[in-house]
């Protein structure tokens, strides 16, 4: 599974980090990023867990999943 975040289109609502705080957080500009901090905008994840919920709840659909 490949997960990407389009930070340029992120509106800083924080819904992704609210429902999936193990994976997502907001950076110093309040934009969504992967919790690992300075990781690239793509992340390989074996267990999707709450990621699908974060994708669905994002109001501007900046989180994408390729399975």
N, C-alpha and C. Protein backbone atom coordinates (compact mmCIF):
# COMPACT_ATOMS: atom_id res chain seq x y z
N UNK A 1 0.85 -1.18 0.00
CA UNK A 1 0.00 0.00 0.00
C UNK A 1 0.89 1.24 0.00
N UNK A 2 0.55 2.19 -0.85
CA UNK A 2 1.28 3.45 -0.89
C UNK A 2 0.31 4.57 -0.52
N UNK A 3 0.72 5.40 0.42
CA UNK A 3 -0.10 6.51 0.88
C UNK A 3 0.65 7.80 0.57
N UNK A 4 -0.06 8.78 -0.01
CA UNK A 4 0.54 10.08 -0.30
C UNK A 4 -0.33 11.19 0.28
N UNK A 5 0.32 12.31 0.57
CA UNK A 5 -0.37 13.50 1.06
C UNK A 5 0.02 14.67 0.16
N UNK A 6 -0.97 15.38 -0.35
CA UNK A 6 -0.72 16.58 -1.14
C UNK A 6 -0.76 17.77 -0.17
N UNK A 7 0.39 18.12 0.40
CA UNK A 7 0.44 19.18 1.40
C UNK A 7 0.03 20.54 0.87
N UNK A 8 0.24 20.79 -0.41
CA UNK A 8 -0.13 22.09 -0.98
C UNK A 8 -1.64 22.33 -0.92
N UNK A 9 -2.43 21.26 -1.02
CA UNK A 9 -3.88 21.39 -1.01
C UNK A 9 -4.48 21.20 0.38
N UNK A 10 -3.67 20.82 1.35
CA UNK A 10 -4.14 20.60 2.71
C UNK A 10 -4.65 21.92 3.30
N UNK A 11 -5.83 21.86 3.95
CA UNK A 11 -6.41 23.07 4.55
C UNK A 11 -6.21 23.12 6.07
N UNK A 12 -5.40 22.23 6.60
CA UNK A 12 -5.01 22.24 8.02
C UNK A 12 -6.16 21.99 8.99
N UNK A 13 -7.13 21.19 8.59
CA UNK A 13 -8.26 20.94 9.49
C UNK A 13 -7.91 19.96 10.60
N UNK A 14 -6.93 19.09 10.38
CA UNK A 14 -6.48 18.16 11.41
C UNK A 14 -7.32 16.91 11.55
N UNK A 15 -8.25 16.68 10.65
CA UNK A 15 -9.10 15.50 10.76
C UNK A 15 -8.30 14.21 10.63
N UNK A 16 -7.29 14.19 9.78
CA UNK A 16 -6.48 12.97 9.61
C UNK A 16 -5.76 12.60 10.90
N UNK A 17 -5.17 13.57 11.56
CA UNK A 17 -4.46 13.29 12.80
C UNK A 17 -5.43 13.00 13.94
N UNK A 18 -6.65 13.50 13.85
CA UNK A 18 -7.65 13.22 14.89
C UNK A 18 -8.10 11.77 14.85
N UNK A 19 -8.28 11.22 13.65
CA UNK A 19 -8.76 9.84 13.53
C UNK A 19 -7.64 8.82 13.38
N UNK A 20 -6.43 9.27 13.08
CA UNK A 20 -5.32 8.34 12.83
C UNK A 20 -4.02 8.95 13.34
N UNK A 21 -3.97 9.22 14.62
CA UNK A 21 -2.81 9.91 15.21
C UNK A 21 -1.54 9.07 15.23
N UNK A 22 -1.65 7.76 15.04
CA UNK A 22 -0.46 6.92 14.96
C UNK A 22 0.29 7.13 13.65
N UNK A 23 -0.41 7.63 12.62
CA UNK A 23 0.19 7.77 11.29
C UNK A 23 0.39 9.24 10.91
N UNK A 24 -0.61 10.09 11.19
CA UNK A 24 -0.59 11.48 10.74
C UNK A 24 -0.43 12.47 11.89
N UNK A 25 0.17 13.61 11.57
CA UNK A 25 0.26 14.74 12.49
C UNK A 25 0.30 16.01 11.65
N UNK A 26 0.18 17.15 12.30
CA UNK A 26 0.30 18.42 11.59
C UNK A 26 1.70 18.97 11.82
N UNK A 27 2.30 19.52 10.76
CA UNK A 27 3.65 20.07 10.88
C UNK A 27 3.60 21.49 11.44
N UNK A 28 4.73 22.17 11.45
CA UNK A 28 4.81 23.53 12.01
C UNK A 28 3.96 24.54 11.25
N UNK A 29 3.55 24.21 10.02
CA UNK A 29 2.67 25.06 9.23
C UNK A 29 1.22 24.58 9.28
N UNK A 30 0.96 23.62 10.18
CA UNK A 30 -0.37 23.02 10.34
C UNK A 30 -0.82 22.25 9.11
N UNK A 31 0.12 21.71 8.35
CA UNK A 31 -0.18 20.87 7.20
C UNK A 31 0.00 19.41 7.58
N UNK A 32 -0.82 18.54 7.02
CA UNK A 32 -0.73 17.11 7.31
C UNK A 32 0.61 16.55 6.85
N UNK A 33 1.15 15.66 7.67
CA UNK A 33 2.36 14.93 7.30
C UNK A 33 2.34 13.60 8.04
N UNK A 34 3.26 12.72 7.64
CA UNK A 34 3.37 11.44 8.31
C UNK A 34 4.07 11.64 9.65
N UNK A 35 3.67 10.92 10.65
CA UNK A 35 4.18 11.12 12.00
C UNK A 35 5.70 10.99 12.09
N UNK A 36 6.32 10.29 11.19
CA UNK A 36 7.77 10.16 11.23
C UNK A 36 8.48 11.48 11.04
N UNK A 37 7.75 12.53 10.75
CA UNK A 37 8.33 13.87 10.65
C UNK A 37 8.84 14.19 9.27
N UNK A 38 10.13 14.10 9.06
CA UNK A 38 10.73 14.51 7.79
C UNK A 38 10.75 13.42 6.74
N UNK A 39 9.83 12.50 6.80
CA UNK A 39 9.76 11.44 5.80
C UNK A 39 9.29 12.02 4.46
N UNK A 40 9.52 11.29 3.39
CA UNK A 40 9.03 11.76 2.08
C UNK A 40 7.50 11.77 2.05
N UNK A 41 6.92 12.28 1.00
CA UNK A 41 5.47 12.38 0.91
C UNK A 41 4.82 11.05 0.55
N UNK A 42 5.59 9.98 0.50
CA UNK A 42 5.04 8.66 0.28
C UNK A 42 5.47 7.77 1.42
N UNK A 43 4.61 6.87 1.81
CA UNK A 43 4.89 5.99 2.93
C UNK A 43 4.40 4.60 2.60
N UNK A 44 5.21 3.60 2.81
CA UNK A 44 4.80 2.22 2.60
C UNK A 44 4.26 1.69 3.92
N UNK A 45 3.04 1.18 3.91
CA UNK A 45 2.38 0.70 5.11
C UNK A 45 1.79 -0.68 4.85
N UNK A 46 2.05 -1.61 5.74
CA UNK A 46 1.51 -2.95 5.59
C UNK A 46 0.09 -3.08 6.13
N UNK A 47 -0.19 -2.43 7.26
CA UNK A 47 -1.50 -2.52 7.90
C UNK A 47 -2.18 -1.16 7.84
N UNK A 48 -3.24 -1.02 7.03
CA UNK A 48 -3.86 0.28 6.85
C UNK A 48 -4.56 0.83 8.08
N UNK A 49 -5.08 -0.01 8.96
CA UNK A 49 -5.73 0.45 10.18
C UNK A 49 -6.68 1.60 9.94
N UNK A 50 -6.38 2.76 10.50
CA UNK A 50 -7.25 3.93 10.45
C UNK A 50 -7.01 4.81 9.22
N UNK A 51 -6.09 4.42 8.35
CA UNK A 51 -5.76 5.25 7.19
C UNK A 51 -6.96 5.44 6.28
N UNK A 52 -7.73 4.37 6.05
CA UNK A 52 -8.92 4.50 5.20
C UNK A 52 -9.90 5.50 5.76
N UNK A 53 -10.04 5.53 7.09
CA UNK A 53 -10.93 6.50 7.72
C UNK A 53 -10.42 7.93 7.52
N UNK A 54 -9.10 8.11 7.62
CA UNK A 54 -8.51 9.44 7.39
C UNK A 54 -8.74 9.90 5.96
N UNK A 55 -8.64 8.97 5.01
CA UNK A 55 -8.89 9.30 3.60
C UNK A 55 -10.33 9.77 3.43
N UNK A 56 -11.27 9.04 4.02
CA UNK A 56 -12.68 9.37 3.88
C UNK A 56 -13.06 10.68 4.57
N UNK A 57 -12.45 10.97 5.70
CA UNK A 57 -12.85 12.13 6.49
C UNK A 57 -12.20 13.44 6.02
N UNK A 58 -11.13 13.35 5.24
CA UNK A 58 -10.44 14.55 4.76
C UNK A 58 -11.38 15.36 3.86
N UNK A 59 -11.70 16.60 4.23
CA UNK A 59 -12.66 17.38 3.45
C UNK A 59 -12.17 17.80 2.07
N UNK A 60 -10.86 17.80 1.85
CA UNK A 60 -10.34 18.19 0.54
C UNK A 60 -9.62 17.05 -0.16
N UNK A 61 -9.72 15.85 0.39
CA UNK A 61 -9.21 14.62 -0.21
C UNK A 61 -7.75 14.72 -0.65
N UNK A 62 -6.89 15.16 0.26
CA UNK A 62 -5.46 15.27 -0.07
C UNK A 62 -4.68 14.00 0.24
N UNK A 63 -5.30 13.05 0.94
CA UNK A 63 -4.64 11.79 1.24
C UNK A 63 -5.12 10.76 0.23
N UNK A 64 -4.17 10.12 -0.43
CA UNK A 64 -4.48 9.13 -1.46
C UNK A 64 -3.84 7.79 -1.08
N UNK A 65 -4.54 6.71 -1.40
CA UNK A 65 -4.05 5.36 -1.12
C UNK A 65 -4.06 4.56 -2.41
N UNK A 66 -2.94 3.96 -2.71
CA UNK A 66 -2.83 3.02 -3.83
C UNK A 66 -2.60 1.65 -3.22
N UNK A 67 -3.51 0.73 -3.45
CA UNK A 67 -3.38 -0.61 -2.88
C UNK A 67 -2.80 -1.59 -3.86
